[in-house]
Amino acid sequence: MLTREELHRLVWTAPSTKLARGLAVSDSYLNKVCRTLAVPRPPRGYWLKPSADRDAPTPLPPAPPGTPAGWQKGRRRALRHAFRSGVSEADVATLLDRAACFFAAADVDDGGTYLRPRDRWLVDLTTTRSGLPKCVNFAGELFLALAARGLRVGIASPSEVFVRVDVERRQSGAGRTYDARNRTWSPLRPTVVNVGGFPVGLAIVETCIDRQMHYVGRGRFVSEEEYAMLGPVERAAHTLRRRMHVGTGLLRLIAYSPTSKHDLRLEWTETPKAPLQRRIENIIDEIEATASRILEPDAGASSD
């Protein structure tokens, strides 16, 4: 068997097409093995550069819960079902610690607001740097509450034909649409909870607002209120203003059907007076009730 560590070393020593021939598999299948085992691969164009100009290999991250220890030819079925079981309550911390690690090390996207981690095999979070702790904490509380009801949350299996929905980042839906020139981050696979056999995708988003900001040097922008508190000399030295999307610190949870078979999309957006943490149990009740109505459309209907 080829372990994760051995595969990681291999993919950074030669192009995948060459390695695939040596392993007697296709290039696309070898790439799928890497995704399933959460093994980072060289980026596109890596092998076209002179060796002196190539970046150092991306370190092998901790294995997500449920990841196989390795791969050997002929074990396609085991790989296909590797993530189907999701994560248990004991694995929630590991799942979120990994996400927090990659998001904390990330740069912002081209829109200048949201984090864009290099790894895409992560829990579905859309967050600014300042909003990251709150996003992770809320995800932890939500996942543990789901686990307490016997509902297991995990990253969807590569074999499942699941699609993640587009997420609305604006707090009210008004103002300019958030634009990162198509370089916003999204997970490789949806985060899914299985509700009585019905898959429900989950996405957690820190919302943003479009507002006037003032540049105050060293790449830093401040709000009108903060700018007014600066001294007259400092204000005179920085006159550049720009409309920008700024994180609100408020969260939105989106629950949706990751398949085209069913039409399901539920959203809960918090306000300063109504944090989502206080509504978790009610949110889960609504998700379960909606999934039950879809699975059993006649349930609850009165008898003739």
Protein backbone atom coordinates (compact mmCIF):
# COMPACT_ATOMS: atom_id res chain seq x y z
CA MET A 1 0.00 0.00 0.00
CA LEU A 2 1.14 3.54 -0.80
CA THR A 3 0.72 5.71 2.31
CA ARG A 4 -0.33 9.37 2.25
CA GLU A 5 3.19 10.39 3.17
CA GLU A 6 4.74 8.31 0.37
CA LEU A 7 2.25 9.60 -2.19
CA HIS A 8 2.94 13.17 -1.09
CA ARG A 9 6.67 12.69 -1.65
CA LEU A 10 6.05 11.11 -5.06
CA VAL A 11 3.79 13.79 -6.52
CA TRP A 12 6.39 16.46 -5.79
CA THR A 13 9.19 14.56 -7.53
CA ALA A 14 7.75 14.11 -11.05
CA PRO A 15 4.74 15.12 -13.20
CA SER A 16 1.56 13.18 -12.49
CA THR A 17 1.43 11.81 -16.04
CA LYS A 18 4.80 10.13 -15.51
CA LEU A 19 3.88 8.82 -12.06
CA ALA A 20 0.56 7.48 -13.35
CA ARG A 21 2.31 5.42 -16.02
CA GLY A 22 4.60 3.95 -13.40
CA LEU A 23 1.63 3.02 -11.21
CA ALA A 24 -0.33 1.65 -14.19
CA VAL A 25 -3.29 4.00 -13.66
CA SER A 26 -4.60 7.01 -15.54
CA ASP A 27 -3.48 10.53 -14.77
CA SER A 28 -7.04 11.56 -13.83
CA TYR A 29 -7.40 8.60 -11.47
CA LEU A 30 -4.13 9.43 -9.72
CA ASN A 31 -5.33 13.01 -9.24
CA LYS A 32 -8.57 11.67 -7.76
CA VAL A 33 -6.56 9.51 -5.34
CA CYS A 34 -4.67 12.62 -4.24
CA ARG A 35 -7.91 14.52 -3.64
CA THR A 36 -9.43 11.64 -1.69
CA LEU A 37 -6.35 11.28 0.50
CA ALA A 38 -6.07 15.08 0.87
CA VAL A 39 -2.59 15.11 -0.61
CA PRO A 40 -1.59 18.53 -2.05
CA ARG A 41 -0.21 18.47 -5.60
CA PRO A 42 2.00 20.93 -7.50
CA PRO A 43 0.04 23.76 -9.13
CA ARG A 44 -0.48 23.99 -12.86
CA GLY A 45 2.72 25.00 -14.68
CA TYR A 46 4.95 23.85 -11.81
CA TRP A 47 6.97 21.40 -13.92
CA LEU A 48 7.45 23.93 -16.74
CA LYS A 49 9.60 26.12 -14.50
CA PRO A 50 13.34 25.59 -14.04
CA SER A 51 13.98 23.61 -10.87
CA ALA A 52 15.59 26.62 -9.22
CA ASP A 53 12.40 28.67 -9.71
CA ARG A 54 9.96 26.10 -8.32
CA ASP A 55 8.28 26.76 -5.00
CA ALA A 56 8.92 24.43 -2.10
CA PRO A 57 6.46 21.52 -1.83
CA THR A 58 3.25 22.29 0.02
CA PRO A 59 3.44 20.50 3.41
CA LEU A 60 1.18 17.49 3.89
CA PRO A 61 -1.73 18.64 6.10
CA PRO A 62 -3.27 16.48 8.83
CA ALA A 63 -5.62 13.89 7.38
CA PRO A 64 -9.30 14.92 7.57
CA PRO A 65 -11.46 12.59 9.67
CA GLY A 66 -12.27 9.41 7.78
CA THR A 67 -9.38 9.71 5.33
CA PRO A 68 -7.85 6.34 4.31
CA ALA A 69 -4.28 5.75 5.48
CA GLY A 70 -3.15 5.10 1.93
CA TRP A 71 -3.95 3.62 -1.46
CA GLN A 72 -3.27 0.47 -3.38
CA LYS A 73 -4.40 -0.47 -6.84
CA GLY A 74 -7.75 -2.24 -6.89
CA ARG A 75 -9.18 -0.38 -3.88
CA ARG A 76 -11.37 2.03 -5.85
CA ARG A 77 -14.50 1.16 -3.91
CA ALA A 78 -12.89 1.93 -0.55
CA LEU A 79 -11.72 5.29 -1.86
CA ARG A 80 -15.11 6.05 -3.34
CA HIS A 81 -16.86 5.63 -0.02
CA ALA A 82 -14.13 7.11 2.16
CA PHE A 83 -16.02 10.24 3.20
CA ARG A 84 -19.55 8.95 3.07
CA SER A 85 -19.87 8.34 6.79
CA GLY A 86 -19.15 11.97 7.69
CA VAL A 87 -17.69 12.81 11.10
CA SER A 88 -18.63 11.94 14.63
CA GLU A 89 -18.92 14.35 17.53
CA ALA A 90 -15.34 13.56 18.55
CA ASP A 91 -14.11 14.59 15.09
CA VAL A 92 -15.73 18.03 14.95
CA ALA A 93 -12.79 19.76 16.63
CA THR A 94 -10.32 18.16 14.22
CA LEU A 95 -12.40 19.14 11.21
CA LEU A 96 -12.67 22.77 12.33
CA ASP A 97 -9.10 23.07 13.61
CA ARG A 98 -7.90 22.15 10.12
CA ALA A 99 -10.17 24.75 8.53
CA ALA A 100 -9.08 27.42 11.02
CA CYS A 101 -5.42 26.67 10.30
CA PHE A 102 -5.74 27.09 6.53
CA PHE A 103 -8.02 30.13 6.71
CA ALA A 104 -5.74 31.87 9.23
CA ALA A 105 -2.78 31.46 6.85
CA ALA A 106 -4.76 32.63 3.79
CA ASP A 107 -4.52 35.85 1.80
CA VAL A 108 -7.64 37.83 0.91
CA ASP A 109 -9.29 37.34 -2.48
CA ASP A 110 -9.21 39.86 -5.33
CA GLY A 111 -12.23 41.64 -3.86
CA GLY A 112 -10.06 42.57 -0.89
CA THR A 113 -12.43 41.30 1.79
CA TYR A 114 -12.74 37.52 2.14
CA LEU A 115 -10.06 34.93 2.87
CA ARG A 116 -9.01 32.57 0.10
CA PRO A 117 -7.11 29.58 1.55
CA ARG A 118 -4.93 27.47 -0.71
CA ASP A 119 -6.63 24.24 0.32
CA ARG A 120 -10.18 23.62 -0.90
CA TRP A 121 -10.89 20.42 1.03
CA LEU A 122 -12.30 22.39 3.94
CA VAL A 123 -15.56 23.11 5.73
CA ASP A 124 -17.73 25.55 3.77
CA LEU A 125 -16.94 28.93 5.35
CA THR A 126 -16.91 32.38 3.74
CA THR A 127 -15.26 34.78 6.14
CA THR A 128 -13.02 37.79 6.62
CA ARG A 129 -9.97 37.54 8.82
CA SER A 130 -11.64 39.32 11.75
CA GLY A 131 -14.76 37.16 11.40
CA LEU A 132 -12.91 33.83 11.29
CA PRO A 133 -13.08 32.99 15.04
CA LYS A 134 -16.82 33.64 15.13
CA CYS A 135 -17.44 31.55 11.98
CA VAL A 136 -15.46 28.61 13.35
CA ASN A 137 -17.11 28.82 16.78
CA PHE A 138 -20.59 28.90 15.26
CA ALA A 139 -19.78 25.97 12.97
CA GLY A 140 -18.56 24.01 16.00
CA GLU A 141 -21.74 24.69 17.99
CA LEU A 142 -23.94 23.83 15.00
CA PHE A 143 -22.10 20.60 14.16
CA LEU A 144 -22.12 19.44 17.78
CA ALA A 145 -25.82 20.19 18.08
CA LEU A 146 -26.47 18.17 14.92
CA ALA A 147 -24.30 15.32 16.23
CA ALA A 148 -26.26 15.33 19.50
CA ARG A 149 -29.35 14.50 17.44
CA GLY A 150 -27.57 11.72 15.60
CA LEU A 151 -27.08 13.80 12.46
CA ARG A 152 -23.57 13.41 11.10
CA VAL A 153 -21.84 16.28 9.31
CA GLY A 154 -18.96 15.81 6.91
CA ILE A 155 -17.34 16.83 3.66
CA ALA A 156 -19.17 15.14 0.79
CA SER A 157 -17.67 12.10 -0.87
CA PRO A 158 -15.92 12.69 -4.21
CA SER A 159 -18.22 10.09 -5.76
CA GLU A 160 -21.41 11.95 -4.88
CA VAL A 161 -22.79 14.20 -7.64
CA PHE A 162 -23.27 17.15 -5.30
CA VAL A 163 -23.18 20.83 -6.25
CA ARG A 164 -22.64 23.73 -3.88
CA VAL A 165 -24.99 26.68 -4.32
CA ASP A 166 -23.89 30.26 -4.89
CA VAL A 167 -23.87 32.25 -1.66
CA GLU A 168 -25.03 35.83 -1.20
CA ARG A 169 -22.46 37.79 0.80
CA ARG A 170 -24.32 41.09 1.16
CA GLN A 171 -26.12 41.57 4.47
CA SER A 172 -29.30 42.95 2.93
CA GLY A 173 -28.92 42.06 -0.74
CA ALA A 174 -28.74 45.79 -1.55
CA GLY A 175 -25.84 47.73 -3.03
CA ARG A 176 -23.08 46.50 -5.33
CA THR A 177 -22.62 42.77 -5.78
CA TYR A 178 -19.40 41.53 -4.22
CA ASP A 179 -16.84 41.27 -7.03
CA ALA A 180 -13.59 39.35 -6.73
CA ARG A 181 -13.19 38.87 -10.49
CA ASN A 182 -14.25 35.24 -10.24
CA ARG A 183 -11.52 34.44 -7.74
CA THR A 184 -13.62 33.98 -4.62
CA TRP A 185 -12.93 30.85 -2.59
CA SER A 186 -15.30 27.90 -2.56
CA PRO A 187 -14.81 24.40 -1.15
CA LEU A 188 -13.93 21.49 -3.40
CA ARG A 189 -16.87 19.52 -2.00
CA PRO A 190 -19.97 20.70 -0.13
CA THR A 191 -20.31 20.32 3.62
CA VAL A 192 -23.28 17.99 4.05
CA VAL A 193 -25.45 16.68 6.89
CA ASN A 194 -27.50 13.55 6.31
CA VAL A 195 -31.05 14.02 7.60
CA GLY A 196 -32.92 10.73 7.47
CA GLY A 197 -31.25 9.80 4.21
CA PHE A 198 -31.74 13.27 2.73
CA PRO A 199 -28.48 15.19 2.08
CA VAL A 200 -28.54 18.84 3.14
CA GLY A 201 -25.68 21.15 2.20
CA LEU A 202 -24.51 23.70 4.78
CA ALA A 203 -22.69 26.98 4.07
CA ILE A 204 -21.72 29.56 6.69
CA VAL A 205 -21.14 33.11 5.43
CA GLU A 206 -20.00 36.29 7.13
CA THR A 207 -22.03 39.00 5.44
CA CYS A 208 -20.67 42.29 4.13
CA ILE A 209 -21.88 45.83 3.42
CA ASP A 210 -20.81 48.32 0.76
CA ARG A 211 -19.53 51.50 2.37
CA GLN A 212 -17.25 54.49 1.90
CA MET A 213 -13.75 53.91 3.30
CA HIS A 214 -10.72 56.17 3.74
CA TYR A 215 -7.14 55.12 3.05
CA VAL A 216 -4.81 55.92 5.97
CA GLY A 217 -1.55 54.39 4.76
CA ARG A 218 0.21 51.03 4.90
CA GLY A 219 -2.60 49.31 3.02
CA ARG A 220 -5.17 50.18 5.71
CA PHE A 221 -8.65 51.57 5.15
CA VAL A 222 -10.92 52.90 7.89
CA SER A 223 -14.59 53.86 8.07
CA GLU A 224 -15.94 57.42 7.96
CA GLU A 225 -16.38 57.33 11.74
CA GLU A 226 -12.79 56.21 12.36
CA TYR A 227 -11.46 58.72 9.85
CA ALA A 228 -13.27 61.60 11.61
CA MET A 229 -11.44 60.72 14.83
CA LEU A 230 -8.01 61.25 13.23
CA GLY A 231 -6.12 64.48 13.74
CA PRO A 232 -6.34 67.21 11.05
CA VAL A 233 -2.73 66.67 9.95
CA GLU A 234 -3.24 62.94 9.44
CA ARG A 235 -6.52 63.49 7.59
CA ALA A 236 -4.86 66.02 5.28
CA ALA A 237 -2.12 63.52 4.45
CA HIS A 238 -4.59 60.85 3.33
CA THR A 239 -7.40 61.98 1.04
CA LEU A 240 -8.03 58.80 -0.98
CA ARG A 241 -11.54 57.41 -0.56
CA ARG A 242 -13.01 54.23 -1.99
CA ARG A 243 -16.25 52.30 -1.81
CA MET A 244 -15.46 48.85 -0.45
CA HIS A 245 -17.22 45.76 0.81
CA VAL A 246 -16.52 45.35 4.51
CA GLY A 247 -17.30 42.36 6.69
CA THR A 248 -20.11 42.97 9.18
CA GLY A 249 -19.18 40.28 11.69
CA LEU A 250 -22.74 38.94 11.24
CA LEU A 251 -23.36 35.42 9.97
CA ARG A 252 -25.70 33.78 7.50
CA LEU A 253 -26.39 30.04 7.43
CA ILE A 254 -27.58 28.51 4.17
CA ALA A 255 -29.09 25.01 4.09
CA TYR A 256 -29.74 23.66 0.60
CA SER A 257 -30.19 20.56 -1.49
CA PRO A 258 -26.86 19.70 -3.19
CA THR A 259 -28.71 17.75 -5.90
CA SER A 260 -30.98 18.94 -8.69
CA LYS A 261 -33.61 16.39 -7.68
CA HIS A 262 -35.04 18.54 -4.90
CA ASP A 263 -35.62 22.27 -4.52
CA LEU A 264 -34.50 23.26 -1.05
CA ARG A 265 -32.87 26.46 0.15
CA LEU A 266 -33.26 27.84 3.66
CA GLU A 267 -31.42 30.89 4.99
CA TRP A 268 -30.99 32.43 8.42
CA THR A 269 -29.24 35.80 8.69
CA GLU A 270 -28.35 37.15 12.09
CA THR A 271 -28.67 40.71 13.30
CA PRO A 272 -26.89 42.36 16.25
CA LYS A 273 -29.93 41.62 18.42
CA ALA A 274 -30.57 38.09 17.14
CA PRO A 275 -27.36 36.02 16.97
CA LEU A 276 -27.56 32.66 15.21
CA GLN A 277 -26.05 30.82 18.20
CA ARG A 278 -29.30 31.34 20.11
CA ARG A 279 -31.34 29.86 17.26
CA ILE A 280 -29.40 26.67 16.56
CA GLU A 281 -31.98 24.27 17.99
CA ASN A 282 -34.79 26.00 16.09
CA ILE A 283 -32.73 25.97 12.92
CA ILE A 284 -32.15 22.22 13.19
CA ASP A 285 -35.87 21.71 13.85
CA GLU A 286 -36.65 23.55 10.62
CA ILE A 287 -34.06 21.61 8.61
CA GLU A 288 -35.43 18.28 9.89
CA ALA A 289 -39.04 19.29 9.27
CA THR A 290 -38.28 20.46 5.73
CA ALA A 291 -36.32 17.31 4.89
CA SER A 292 -39.15 15.19 6.30
CA ARG A 293 -41.73 16.98 4.12
CA ILE A 294 -39.61 16.37 1.03
CA LEU A 295 -39.03 12.70 1.83
CA GLU A 296 -42.63 12.11 2.84
CA PRO A 297 -44.71 14.71 1.02
CA ASP A 298 -47.93 13.39 2.51
CA ALA A 299 -46.69 13.30 6.09
CA GLY A 300 -48.79 15.56 8.28
CA ALA A 301 -51.65 15.66 5.80
CA SER A 302 -55.02 15.08 7.36
CA SER A 303 -56.71 11.74 6.75
CA ASP A 304 -59.94 11.77 4.75
